[in-house]
Amino acid sequence: MTNLKRPRDVNQLAKLIVDIATGEVEDVRPDDGKNPNAVALGRLGGLKGGKARAAKLTPERRKEIAVNAAKKRWEKK
């Protein structure tokens, strides 16, 4: 059981896929050091964060944010 990094070369990747499919190499996901429960909680907060923030903003504040964003997009660099 080895922890293999996926090759970027198409031919090497194809060889690795064949090796995994034939059982010559066991496919193991690398441990990225993150707690899966913490990742799930972070994603949950990220999914609802924008909608919750928009619901709290007044229409005037939303317009102010939009105007500032448009100015930044169009200003010369």
Protein backbone atom coordinates (compact mmCIF):
# COMPACT_ATOMS: atom_id res chain seq x y z
CA MET A 1 0.00 0.00 0.00
CA THR A 2 1.71 3.14 -1.23
CA ASN A 3 0.69 6.76 -1.25
CA LEU A 4 1.12 7.70 -4.91
CA LYS A 5 1.05 11.20 -6.29
CA ARG A 6 -0.93 11.43 -9.52
CA PRO A 7 1.42 12.02 -12.46
CA ARG A 8 0.76 15.00 -14.71
CA ASP A 9 1.90 13.18 -17.84
CA VAL A 10 -1.06 11.56 -19.63
CA ASN A 11 0.81 8.35 -20.45
CA GLN A 12 2.08 7.89 -16.90
CA LEU A 13 -1.40 8.56 -15.54
CA ALA A 14 -2.86 5.96 -17.90
CA LYS A 15 -0.26 3.42 -16.71
CA LEU A 16 -1.12 4.17 -13.08
CA ILE A 17 -4.85 3.71 -13.79
CA VAL A 18 -4.15 0.35 -15.42
CA ASP A 19 -1.96 -0.69 -12.50
CA ILE A 20 -4.73 0.24 -10.04
CA ALA A 21 -7.37 -1.55 -12.12
CA THR A 22 -5.30 -4.75 -12.37
CA GLY A 23 -4.47 -4.72 -8.67
CA GLU A 24 -0.72 -4.23 -9.09
CA VAL A 25 -0.95 -1.01 -7.07
CA GLU A 26 -3.48 -0.17 -4.36
CA ASP A 27 -5.17 3.20 -4.75
CA VAL A 28 -4.81 5.20 -1.54
CA ARG A 29 -5.94 8.78 -1.08
CA PRO A 30 -3.23 10.99 0.39
CA ASP A 31 -3.86 12.28 3.89
CA ASP A 32 -3.96 16.05 3.59
CA GLY A 33 -3.87 16.51 7.36
CA LYS A 34 -7.33 18.05 7.56
CA ASN A 35 -10.05 16.93 9.93
CA PRO A 36 -12.99 15.82 7.72
CA ASN A 37 -15.51 17.01 10.31
CA ALA A 38 -13.95 20.48 10.38
CA VAL A 39 -13.93 20.59 6.58
CA ALA A 40 -17.64 19.71 6.48
CA LEU A 41 -18.48 22.43 9.02
CA GLY A 42 -16.46 25.00 7.11
CA ARG A 43 -18.19 24.11 3.86
CA LEU A 44 -21.59 24.31 5.53
CA GLY A 45 -20.86 27.80 6.80
CA GLY A 46 -19.53 28.85 3.41
CA LEU A 47 -22.64 27.63 1.64
CA LYS A 48 -25.02 29.66 3.77
CA GLY A 49 -22.76 32.63 4.54
CA GLY A 50 -23.40 34.75 1.45
CA LYS A 51 -27.16 34.33 1.59
CA ALA A 52 -27.25 35.11 5.31
CA ARG A 53 -25.14 38.24 4.81
CA ALA A 54 -27.33 39.43 1.92
CA ALA A 55 -30.47 38.95 3.99
CA LYS A 56 -29.05 41.19 6.74
CA LEU A 57 -28.03 44.04 4.42
CA THR A 58 -30.40 46.93 3.78
CA PRO A 59 -31.17 47.79 0.16
CA GLU A 60 -29.22 51.05 0.57
CA ARG A 61 -26.11 49.21 1.82
CA ARG A 62 -26.36 46.65 -1.02
CA LYS A 63 -26.50 49.51 -3.52
CA GLU A 64 -23.49 51.18 -1.89
CA ILE A 65 -21.49 47.96 -2.13
CA ALA A 66 -22.50 47.48 -5.78
CA VAL A 67 -21.57 51.05 -6.71
CA ASN A 68 -18.16 50.72 -5.04
CA ALA A 69 -17.55 47.42 -6.83
CA ALA A 70 -18.47 48.94 -10.19
CA LYS A 71 -16.13 51.89 -9.59
CA LYS A 72 -13.26 49.52 -8.76
CA ARG A 73 -13.91 47.46 -11.89
CA TRP A 74 -13.88 50.47 -14.19
CA GLU A 75 -11.09 52.58 -12.70
CA LYS A 76 -7.90 52.87 -14.75
CA LYS A 77 -4.89 50.93 -13.61
